[in-house]
C-alpha atoms as a PDB file:
ATOM      1  CA  MET A   1       0.000   0.000   0.000  1.00  0.00           C
ATOM      2  CA  ALA A   2       1.448   3.340  -1.060  1.00  0.00           C
ATOM      3  CA  HIS A   3       1.489   6.181   1.420  1.00  0.00           C
ATOM      4  CA  ALA A   4       2.600   9.714   0.698  1.00  0.00           C
ATOM      5  CA  PRO A   5       5.290  11.284   2.854  1.00  0.00           C
ATOM      6  CA  SER A   6       4.041  13.672   5.500  1.00  0.00           C
ATOM      7  CA  SER A   7       6.009  16.556   4.024  1.00  0.00           C
ATOM      8  CA  PRO A   8       7.017  17.523   0.486  1.00  0.00           C
ATOM      9  CA  GLY A   9      10.091  15.756  -0.761  1.00  0.00           C
ATOM     10  CA  GLN A  10      11.270  13.116  -3.151  1.00  0.00           C
ATOM     11  CA  TYR A  11       9.170  10.011  -3.770  1.00  0.00           C
ATOM     12  CA  PRO A  12      10.498   6.582  -4.731  1.00  0.00           C
ATOM     13  CA  VAL A  13      11.409   6.245  -8.396  1.00  0.00           C
ATOM     14  CA  VAL A  14       8.857   4.303 -10.447  1.00  0.00           C
ATOM     15  CA  PRO A  15       9.631   2.782 -13.871  1.00  0.00           C
ATOM     16  CA  GLY A  16       8.145   4.934 -16.605  1.00  0.00           C
ATOM     17  CA  ASP A  17       8.025   8.037 -14.388  1.00  0.00           C
ATOM     18  CA  PRO A  18       8.979  10.916 -16.727  1.00  0.00           C
ATOM     19  CA  TYR A  19      10.466  12.886 -13.839  1.00  0.00           C
ATOM     20  CA  GLY A  20      12.470  10.162 -12.132  1.00  0.00           C
ATOM     21  CA  GLY A  21      10.563  10.735  -8.903  1.00  0.00           C
ATOM     22  CA  HIS A  22      11.843  14.290  -8.485  1.00  0.00           C
ATOM     23  CA  GLY A  23       9.506  16.969  -7.214  1.00  0.00           C
ATOM     24  CA  TYR A  24       6.522  16.686  -4.923  1.00  0.00           C
ATOM     25  CA  LEU A  25       3.756  16.658  -7.524  1.00  0.00           C
ATOM     26  CA  SER A  26       5.639  14.457  -9.985  1.00  0.00           C
ATOM     27  CA  GLY A  27       6.314  12.021  -7.146  1.00  0.00           C
ATOM     28  CA  PHE A  28       2.604  12.050  -6.351  1.00  0.00           C
ATOM     29  CA  ILE A  29       1.930  11.032  -9.964  1.00  0.00           C
ATOM     30  CA  SER A  30       4.520   8.276  -9.643  1.00  0.00           C
ATOM     31  CA  LEU A  31       2.636   6.763  -6.721  1.00  0.00           C
ATOM     32  CA  LEU A  32      -0.698   7.063  -8.524  1.00  0.00           C
ATOM     33  CA  LEU A  33       0.833   5.074 -11.383  1.00  0.00           C
ATOM     34  CA  ARG A  34       2.443   2.518  -9.097  1.00  0.00           C
ATOM     35  CA  ALA A  35      -0.931   1.857  -7.435  1.00  0.00           C
ATOM     36  CA  GLU A  36      -2.370   0.388 -10.660  1.00  0.00           C
ATOM     37  CA  PRO A  37      -2.910  -3.282  -9.753  1.00  0.00           C
ATOM     38  CA  TYR A  38      -3.052  -4.549 -13.350  1.00  0.00           C
ATOM     39  CA  PRO A  39      -1.827  -3.180 -16.699  1.00  0.00           C
ATOM     40  CA  PRO A  40      -5.022  -1.542 -18.073  1.00  0.00           C
ATOM     41  CA  ALA A  41      -3.877  -1.592 -21.699  1.00  0.00           C
ATOM     42  CA  ARG A  42      -3.850  -5.390 -21.865  1.00  0.00           C
ATOM     43  CA  TYR A  43      -7.519  -5.837 -21.066  1.00  0.00           C
ATOM     44  CA  GLY A  44      -9.203  -4.876 -24.335  1.00  0.00           C
ATOM     45  CA  ALA A  45      -7.658  -7.722 -26.316  1.00  0.00           C
ATOM     46  CA  GLN A  46      -8.891 -10.224 -23.724  1.00  0.00           C
ATOM     47  CA  CYS A  47     -12.476  -9.552 -24.846  1.00  0.00           C
ATOM     48  CA  LEU A  48     -11.824 -10.960 -28.286  1.00  0.00           C
ATOM     49  CA  GLN A  49     -12.515 -14.585 -29.096  1.00  0.00           C
ATOM     50  CA  PRO A  50     -10.173 -16.372 -31.548  1.00  0.00           C
ATOM     51  CA  SER A  51     -12.501 -15.389 -34.390  1.00  0.00           C
ATOM     52  CA  GLY A  52     -12.094 -11.727 -33.466  1.00  0.00           C
ATOM     53  CA  VAL A  53     -15.681 -11.538 -32.217  1.00  0.00           C
ATOM     54  CA  VAL A  54     -16.311  -9.932 -28.851  1.00  0.00           C
ATOM     55  CA  GLY A  55     -17.760 -12.483 -26.417  1.00  0.00           C
ATOM     56  CA  ILE A  56     -20.462 -11.338 -24.030  1.00  0.00           C
ATOM     57  CA  GLU A  57     -19.067 -13.388 -21.138  1.00  0.00           C
ATOM     58  CA  SER A  58     -15.608 -11.991 -21.849  1.00  0.00           C
ATOM     59  CA  ILE A  59     -16.935  -8.434 -21.663  1.00  0.00           C
ATOM     60  CA  CYS A  60     -18.723  -9.143 -18.388  1.00  0.00           C
ATOM     61  CA  GLU A  61     -15.486 -10.548 -17.013  1.00  0.00           C
ATOM     62  CA  LEU A  62     -13.520  -7.544 -18.263  1.00  0.00           C
ATOM     63  CA  ALA A  63     -16.023  -5.145 -16.697  1.00  0.00           C
ATOM     64  CA  ALA A  64     -15.684  -6.917 -13.352  1.00  0.00           C
ATOM     65  CA  ARG A  65     -11.895  -6.665 -13.587  1.00  0.00           C
ATOM     66  CA  LEU A  66     -12.031  -2.966 -14.462  1.00  0.00           C
ATOM     67  CA  LEU A  67     -14.305  -2.237 -11.505  1.00  0.00           C
ATOM     68  CA  PHE A  68     -12.172  -4.332  -9.153  1.00  0.00           C
ATOM     69  CA  SER A  69      -9.064  -2.587 -10.499  1.00  0.00           C
ATOM     70  CA  ALA A  70     -10.552   0.831  -9.705  1.00  0.00           C
ATOM     71  CA  ILE A  71     -11.237  -0.157  -6.093  1.00  0.00           C
ATOM     72  CA  GLU A  72      -7.796  -1.720  -5.612  1.00  0.00           C
ATOM     73  CA  TRP A  73      -6.150   1.322  -7.193  1.00  0.00           C
ATOM     74  CA  ALA A  74      -7.927   3.669  -4.792  1.00  0.00           C
ATOM     75  CA  LYS A  75      -6.788   1.559  -1.820  1.00  0.00           C
ATOM     76  CA  GLY A  76      -3.167   1.980  -2.905  1.00  0.00           C
ATOM     77  CA  ILE A  77      -2.905   5.664  -3.808  1.00  0.00           C
ATOM     78  CA  PRO A  78      -1.512   8.358  -1.489  1.00  0.00           C
ATOM     79  CA  PHE A  79      -3.809   9.706   1.248  1.00  0.00           C
ATOM     80  CA  PHE A  80      -6.913   7.634   0.419  1.00  0.00           C
ATOM     81  CA  PRO A  81      -6.044   4.727   2.791  1.00  0.00           C
ATOM     82  CA  ASP A  82      -5.570   7.269   5.606  1.00  0.00           C
ATOM     83  CA  LEU A  83      -9.162   8.502   5.361  1.00  0.00           C
ATOM     84  CA  GLN A  84     -11.829   7.041   7.626  1.00  0.00           C
ATOM     85  CA  LEU A  85     -13.401   3.922   6.146  1.00  0.00           C
ATOM     86  CA  SER A  86     -16.782   5.665   5.988  1.00  0.00           C
ATOM     87  CA  ASP A  87     -15.190   8.441   3.903  1.00  0.00           C
ATOM     88  CA  GLN A  88     -13.502   5.918   1.592  1.00  0.00           C
ATOM     89  CA  VAL A  89     -16.856   4.228   1.042  1.00  0.00           C
ATOM     90  CA  ALA A  90     -18.603   7.572   0.423  1.00  0.00           C
ATOM     91  CA  LEU A  91     -16.028   8.646  -2.168  1.00  0.00           C
ATOM     92  CA  LEU A  92     -16.185   5.364  -4.055  1.00  0.00           C
ATOM     93  CA  ARG A  93     -19.977   5.212  -3.946  1.00  0.00           C
ATOM     94  CA  LEU A  94     -20.081   8.587  -5.676  1.00  0.00           C
ATOM     95  CA  GLY A  95     -17.145   8.103  -8.051  1.00  0.00           C
ATOM     96  CA  TRP A  96     -17.051   4.420  -9.048  1.00  0.00           C
ATOM     97  CA  SER A  97     -18.865   4.976 -12.349  1.00  0.00           C
ATOM     98  CA  GLU A  98     -16.463   7.745 -13.412  1.00  0.00           C
ATOM     99  CA  LEU A  99     -13.483   5.563 -12.504  1.00  0.00           C
ATOM    100  CA  PHE A 100     -15.028   2.726 -14.506  1.00  0.00           C
ATOM    101  CA  VAL A 101     -15.480   4.872 -17.633  1.00  0.00           C
ATOM    102  CA  LEU A 102     -11.876   6.123 -17.351  1.00  0.00           C
ATOM    103  CA  ASN A 103     -10.626   2.549 -16.958  1.00  0.00           C
ATOM    104  CA  ALA A 104     -12.788   1.426 -19.893  1.00  0.00           C
ATOM    105  CA  ALA A 105     -11.282   4.087 -22.140  1.00  0.00           C
ATOM    106  CA  GLN A 106      -7.740   3.356 -20.978  1.00  0.00           C
ATOM    107  CA  SER A 107      -8.164  -0.385 -21.479  1.00  0.00           C
ATOM    108  CA  ALA A 108      -9.590   0.038 -25.002  1.00  0.00           C
ATOM    109  CA  LEU A 109     -12.881  -1.676 -24.179  1.00  0.00           C
ATOM    110  CA  PRO A 110     -14.291  -2.551 -27.621  1.00  0.00           C
ATOM    111  CA  LEU A 111     -16.953   0.022 -28.414  1.00  0.00           C
ATOM    112  CA  HIS A 112     -19.239  -2.511 -30.054  1.00  0.00           C
ATOM    113  CA  ALA A 113     -19.286  -4.345 -26.739  1.00  0.00           C
ATOM    114  CA  ALA A 114     -22.063  -2.118 -25.430  1.00  0.00           C
ATOM    115  CA  PRO A 115     -24.627  -2.899 -28.166  1.00  0.00           C
ATOM    116  CA  LEU A 116     -23.748  -6.570 -27.835  1.00  0.00           C
ATOM    117  CA  LEU A 117     -24.552  -6.560 -24.159  1.00  0.00           C
ATOM    118  CA  ALA A 118     -27.632  -4.451 -24.748  1.00  0.00           C
ATOM    119  CA  ALA A 119     -28.962  -6.953 -27.238  1.00  0.00           C
ATOM    120  CA  ALA A 120     -28.252  -9.792 -24.822  1.00  0.00           C
ATOM    121  CA  GLY A 121     -29.938  -7.947 -21.973  1.00  0.00           C
ATOM    122  CA  LEU A 122     -32.991  -7.015 -23.983  1.00  0.00           C
ATOM    123  CA  HIS A 123     -33.332 -10.582 -25.174  1.00  0.00           C
ATOM    124  CA  ALA A 124     -33.038 -12.001 -21.665  1.00  0.00           C
ATOM    125  CA  ALA A 125     -35.399  -9.499 -20.057  1.00  0.00           C
ATOM    126  CA  PRO A 126     -37.714  -7.759 -22.541  1.00  0.00           C
ATOM    127  CA  MET A 127     -38.346  -4.095 -21.757  1.00  0.00           C
ATOM    128  CA  ALA A 128     -41.102  -1.638 -22.543  1.00  0.00           C
ATOM    129  CA  ALA A 129     -40.378   0.595 -25.532  1.00  0.00           C
ATOM    130  CA  ASP A 130     -39.631   3.682 -23.441  1.00  0.00           C
ATOM    131  CA  ARG A 131     -37.131   1.739 -21.326  1.00  0.00           C
ATOM    132  CA  VAL A 132     -35.440   0.441 -24.462  1.00  0.00           C
ATOM    133  CA  VAL A 133     -35.012   4.016 -25.701  1.00  0.00           C
ATOM    134  CA  ALA A 134     -33.559   5.116 -22.337  1.00  0.00           C
ATOM    135  CA  PHE A 135     -31.261   2.093 -22.224  1.00  0.00           C
ATOM    136  CA  MET A 136     -29.896   2.739 -25.707  1.00  0.00           C
ATOM    137  CA  ASP A 137     -29.324   6.357 -24.714  1.00  0.00           C
ATOM    138  CA  HIS A 138     -27.144   5.133 -21.824  1.00  0.00           C
ATOM    139  CA  ILE A 139     -25.138   3.136 -24.348  1.00  0.00           C
ATOM    140  CA  ARG A 140     -24.702   6.103 -26.673  1.00  0.00           C
ATOM    141  CA  LEU A 141     -23.501   8.345 -23.829  1.00  0.00           C
ATOM    142  CA  PHE A 142     -21.048   5.707 -22.642  1.00  0.00           C
ATOM    143  CA  GLN A 143     -19.634   5.261 -26.146  1.00  0.00           C
ATOM    144  CA  GLU A 144     -19.351   9.019 -26.682  1.00  0.00           C
ATOM    145  CA  GLN A 145     -17.380   9.587 -23.484  1.00  0.00           C
ATOM    146  CA  VAL A 146     -14.987   6.725 -24.193  1.00  0.00           C
ATOM    147  CA  GLU A 147     -14.453   7.995 -27.763  1.00  0.00           C
ATOM    148  CA  LYS A 148     -13.749  11.552 -26.602  1.00  0.00           C
ATOM    149  CA  LEU A 149     -11.143  10.325 -24.112  1.00  0.00           C
ATOM    150  CA  LYS A 150      -9.502   8.187 -26.783  1.00  0.00           C
ATOM    151  CA  ALA A 151      -9.462  11.157 -29.183  1.00  0.00           C
ATOM    152  CA  LEU A 152      -7.378  13.117 -26.658  1.00  0.00           C
ATOM    153  CA  HIS A 153      -4.731  10.360 -26.585  1.00  0.00           C
ATOM    154  CA  VAL A 154      -4.651  10.527 -22.785  1.00  0.00           C
ATOM    155  CA  ASP A 155      -1.437   9.083 -21.366  1.00  0.00           C
ATOM    156  CA  ALA A 156      -1.141   6.880 -18.279  1.00  0.00           C
ATOM    157  CA  ALA A 157      -0.155   9.744 -15.959  1.00  0.00           C
ATOM    158  CA  GLU A 158      -3.077  11.850 -17.162  1.00  0.00           C
ATOM    159  CA  TYR A 159      -5.504   8.977 -16.617  1.00  0.00           C
ATOM    160  CA  ALA A 160      -4.120   8.496 -13.101  1.00  0.00           C
ATOM    161  CA  CYS A 161      -4.548  12.179 -12.253  1.00  0.00           C
ATOM    162  CA  LEU A 162      -8.046  12.331 -13.741  1.00  0.00           C
ATOM    163  CA  LYS A 163      -9.065   9.323 -11.665  1.00  0.00           C
ATOM    164  CA  ALA A 164      -7.672  10.974  -8.532  1.00  0.00           C
ATOM    165  CA  VAL A 165      -9.567  14.213  -9.277  1.00  0.00           C
ATOM    166  CA  ALA A 166     -12.761  12.210  -9.804  1.00  0.00           C
ATOM    167  CA  LEU A 167     -12.241  10.127  -6.665  1.00  0.00           C
ATOM    168  CA  PHE A 168     -11.422  12.969  -4.260  1.00  0.00           C
ATOM    169  CA  SER A 169     -14.783  14.718  -4.636  1.00  0.00           C
ATOM    170  CA  PRO A 170     -15.800  16.927  -1.690  1.00  0.00           C
ATOM    171  CA  ASP A 171     -19.393  16.552  -2.938  1.00  0.00           C
ATOM    172  CA  ALA A 172     -19.637  12.975  -1.647  1.00  0.00           C
ATOM    173  CA  ALA A 173     -22.396  12.638   0.946  1.00  0.00           C
ATOM    174  CA  GLY A 174     -21.517  12.244   4.617  1.00  0.00           C
ATOM    175  CA  LEU A 175     -17.801  13.085   4.520  1.00  0.00           C
ATOM    176  CA  SER A 176     -16.292  13.739   7.936  1.00  0.00           C
ATOM    177  CA  ASP A 177     -13.944  16.408   6.530  1.00  0.00           C
ATOM    178  CA  PRO A 178     -14.937  17.694   3.061  1.00  0.00           C
ATOM    179  CA  GLY A 179     -12.203  20.328   3.262  1.00  0.00           C
ATOM    180  CA  GLN A 180      -9.495  17.673   3.486  1.00  0.00           C
ATOM    181  CA  VAL A 181     -10.915  15.868   0.465  1.00  0.00           C
ATOM    182  CA  ALA A 182     -11.144  19.159  -1.462  1.00  0.00           C
ATOM    183  CA  GLY A 183      -7.452  19.716  -0.744  1.00  0.00           C
ATOM    184  CA  LEU A 184      -6.601  16.276  -2.132  1.00  0.00           C
ATOM    185  CA  GLN A 185      -8.645  16.996  -5.242  1.00  0.00           C
ATOM    186  CA  GLU A 186      -6.780  20.278  -5.714  1.00  0.00           C
ATOM    187  CA  LYS A 187      -3.447  18.471  -5.289  1.00  0.00           C
ATOM    188  CA  SER A 188      -4.485  16.010  -8.002  1.00  0.00           C
ATOM    189  CA  GLN A 189      -5.458  18.850 -10.330  1.00  0.00           C
ATOM    190  CA  CYS A 190      -2.128  20.584  -9.727  1.00  0.00           C
ATOM    191  CA  ALA A 191      -0.268  17.355 -10.469  1.00  0.00           C
ATOM    192  CA  LEU A 192      -2.169  16.995 -13.741  1.00  0.00           C
ATOM    193  CA  GLU A 193      -1.460  20.606 -14.670  1.00  0.00           C
ATOM    194  CA  GLU A 194       2.270  20.189 -13.969  1.00  0.00           C
ATOM    195  CA  HIS A 195       2.445  16.970 -15.989  1.00  0.00           C
ATOM    196  CA  VAL A 196       0.673  18.524 -18.989  1.00  0.00           C
ATOM    197  CA  ARG A 197       2.869  21.619 -18.837  1.00  0.00           C
ATOM    198  CA  ARG A 198       6.054  19.544 -18.841  1.00  0.00           C
ATOM    199  CA  GLN A 199       5.069  16.767 -21.225  1.00  0.00           C
ATOM    200  CA  HIS A 200       2.832  18.691 -23.663  1.00  0.00           C
ATOM    201  CA  PRO A 201       4.221  22.247 -23.779  1.00  0.00           C
ATOM    202  CA  GLY A 202       2.848  22.739 -27.282  1.00  0.00           C
ATOM    203  CA  GLN A 203      -0.751  22.145 -26.144  1.00  0.00           C
ATOM    204  CA  PRO A 204      -1.632  25.048 -23.821  1.00  0.00           C
ATOM    205  CA  SER A 205      -5.323  24.131 -23.794  1.00  0.00           C
ATOM    206  CA  ARG A 206      -4.755  20.434 -23.023  1.00  0.00           C
ATOM    207  CA  PHE A 207      -5.095  20.732 -19.228  1.00  0.00           C
ATOM    208  CA  GLY A 208      -8.485  22.429 -19.531  1.00  0.00           C
ATOM    209  CA  ARG A 209      -9.703  19.961 -22.159  1.00  0.00           C
ATOM    210  CA  LEU A 210      -8.747  17.015 -19.945  1.00  0.00           C
ATOM    211  CA  LEU A 211     -10.339  18.479 -16.835  1.00  0.00           C
ATOM    212  CA  LEU A 212     -13.569  19.215 -18.704  1.00  0.00           C
ATOM    213  CA  ARG A 213     -13.938  15.520 -19.500  1.00  0.00           C
ATOM    214  CA  LEU A 214     -14.829  14.836 -15.847  1.00  0.00           C
ATOM    215  CA  PRO A 215     -18.184  16.684 -15.657  1.00  0.00           C
ATOM    216  CA  ALA A 216     -19.139  15.015 -18.943  1.00  0.00           C
ATOM    217  CA  LEU A 217     -18.449  11.580 -17.444  1.00  0.00           C
ATOM    218  CA  ARG A 218     -21.252  12.191 -14.965  1.00  0.00           C
ATOM    219  CA  SER A 219     -23.696  12.194 -17.889  1.00  0.00           C
ATOM    220  CA  VAL A 220     -23.141   8.425 -18.004  1.00  0.00           C
ATOM    221  CA  SER A 221     -25.436   7.286 -15.196  1.00  0.00           C
ATOM    222  CA  ALA A 222     -24.205   4.732 -12.688  1.00  0.00           C
ATOM    223  CA  PRO A 223     -27.479   2.718 -12.955  1.00  0.00           C
ATOM    224  CA  GLY A 224     -27.033   2.666 -16.723  1.00  0.00           C
ATOM    225  CA  ILE A 225     -23.484   1.317 -16.424  1.00  0.00           C
ATOM    226  CA  GLN A 226     -24.646  -1.267 -13.918  1.00  0.00           C
ATOM    227  CA  GLN A 227     -27.487  -2.447 -16.141  1.00  0.00           C
ATOM    228  CA  LEU A 228     -25.200  -2.589 -19.153  1.00  0.00           C
ATOM    229  CA  PHE A 229     -22.188  -4.377 -17.682  1.00  0.00           C
ATOM    230  CA  PHE A 230     -23.027  -5.741 -14.241  1.00  0.00           C
ATOM    231  CA  SER A 231     -26.533  -7.206 -14.326  1.00  0.00           C
ATOM    232  CA  ARG A 232     -25.026 -10.680 -14.623  1.00  0.00           C
ATOM    233  CA  LEU A 233     -22.518  -9.915 -11.883  1.00  0.00           C
ATOM    234  CA  VAL A 234     -24.747  -8.501  -9.147  1.00  0.00           C
ATOM    235  CA  GLY A 235     -28.306  -8.673 -10.492  1.00  0.00           C
ATOM    236  CA  LYS A 236     -30.334  -5.747  -9.176  1.00  0.00           C
ATOM    237  CA  THR A 237     -28.109  -5.103  -6.159  1.00  0.00           C
ATOM    238  CA  PRO A 238     -26.752  -1.556  -6.558  1.00  0.00           C
ATOM    239  CA  ILE A 239     -22.972  -1.460  -6.931  1.00  0.00           C
ATOM    240  CA  GLU A 240     -22.968   1.295  -4.300  1.00  0.00           C
ATOM    241  CA  THR A 241     -24.148  -1.157  -1.652  1.00  0.00           C
ATOM    242  CA  LEU A 242     -21.250  -3.498  -2.485  1.00  0.00           C
ATOM    243  CA  ILE A 243     -18.490  -0.892  -2.271  1.00  0.00           C
ATOM    244  CA  ARG A 244     -17.784  -1.451   1.423  1.00  0.00           C
ATOM    245  CA  ASP A 245     -17.486  -5.220   0.904  1.00  0.00           C
ATOM    246  CA  MET A 246     -15.204  -4.659  -2.087  1.00  0.00           C
ATOM    247  CA  LEU A 247     -12.987  -2.346  -0.065  1.00  0.00           C
ATOM    248  CA  LEU A 248     -12.691  -4.763   2.833  1.00  0.00           C
ATOM    249  CA  ALA A 249     -12.579  -8.090   0.979  1.00  0.00           C
ATOM    250  CA  GLY A 250     -10.395  -7.160  -1.973  1.00  0.00           C
ATOM    251  CA  ALA A 251      -9.187 -10.198  -3.910  1.00  0.00           C
ATOM    252  CA  ALA A 252     -11.016 -12.473  -1.459  1.00  0.00           C
ATOM    253  CA  LEU A 253     -14.382 -11.248  -2.760  1.00  0.00           C
ATOM    254  CA  ASN A 254     -16.299 -14.077  -4.397  1.00  0.00           C
ATOM    255  CA  TRP A 255     -16.411 -12.948  -8.024  1.00  0.00           C
ATOM    256  CA  PRO A 256     -18.467 -15.096 -10.394  1.00  0.00           C
ATOM    257  CA  TYR A 257     -15.528 -15.194 -12.820  1.00  0.00           C
ATOM    258  CA  GLY A 258     -12.986 -16.431 -10.292  1.00  0.00           C
ATOM    259  CA  PRO A 259      -9.991 -14.588  -8.849  1.00  0.00           C
ATOM    260  CA  VAL A 260      -8.937 -11.424 -10.652  1.00  0.00           C
ATOM    261  CA  GLN A 261      -5.538 -11.983 -12.209  1.00  0.00           C
END
């Protein structure tokens, strides 16, 4: 579990860190990257069957891994493990869907996966026409947000910072110290700004364009994501009610697809 030092200084060097661990904010990014439990980029290809067709079961398994990865990542980043458990749960209950969309974009989740699952879901449980329209709208919004992130060619450090900004939301209900969480969100934004300034000096508007992706992610409703990807995993049990168990159980949680590798 990664913990940040109590005072600004140099963080441990992480492979792939563009700054070699130097500087407080760049070291913060290094620890965000090191907290990734699994290489996100490898997941998309795992959806494909030998014929190149996307398998529905494979997508359900991938979705479970991406969600699990988001929870495990949060448990390992600086400052989050030091918050009260109730605050950790509150932050993840609010932000899990945004983390999932960011992970889906980073892992190159096949975009035709969503209609596939929709067709399977509609076939298994027929819906009224108005619900079908609403469901397909969820799919369109999800696809649009993933496409817009891909179009920006977001790098691993930027994804890590965006996830931290999304996670440390002072708007989460019931926080014991919203001001502390707001400070962590600001730190994450500053780290993103520093990274963009150093790594993309020719794109002065890039920081703003990246940050503006986060409010748009909220247009993808958490119930819509759950219905699309997790109905086979948890049925009608809201993901939010499982967050505490996922935080506490980790890899020991009884996933229907077996241990997450």
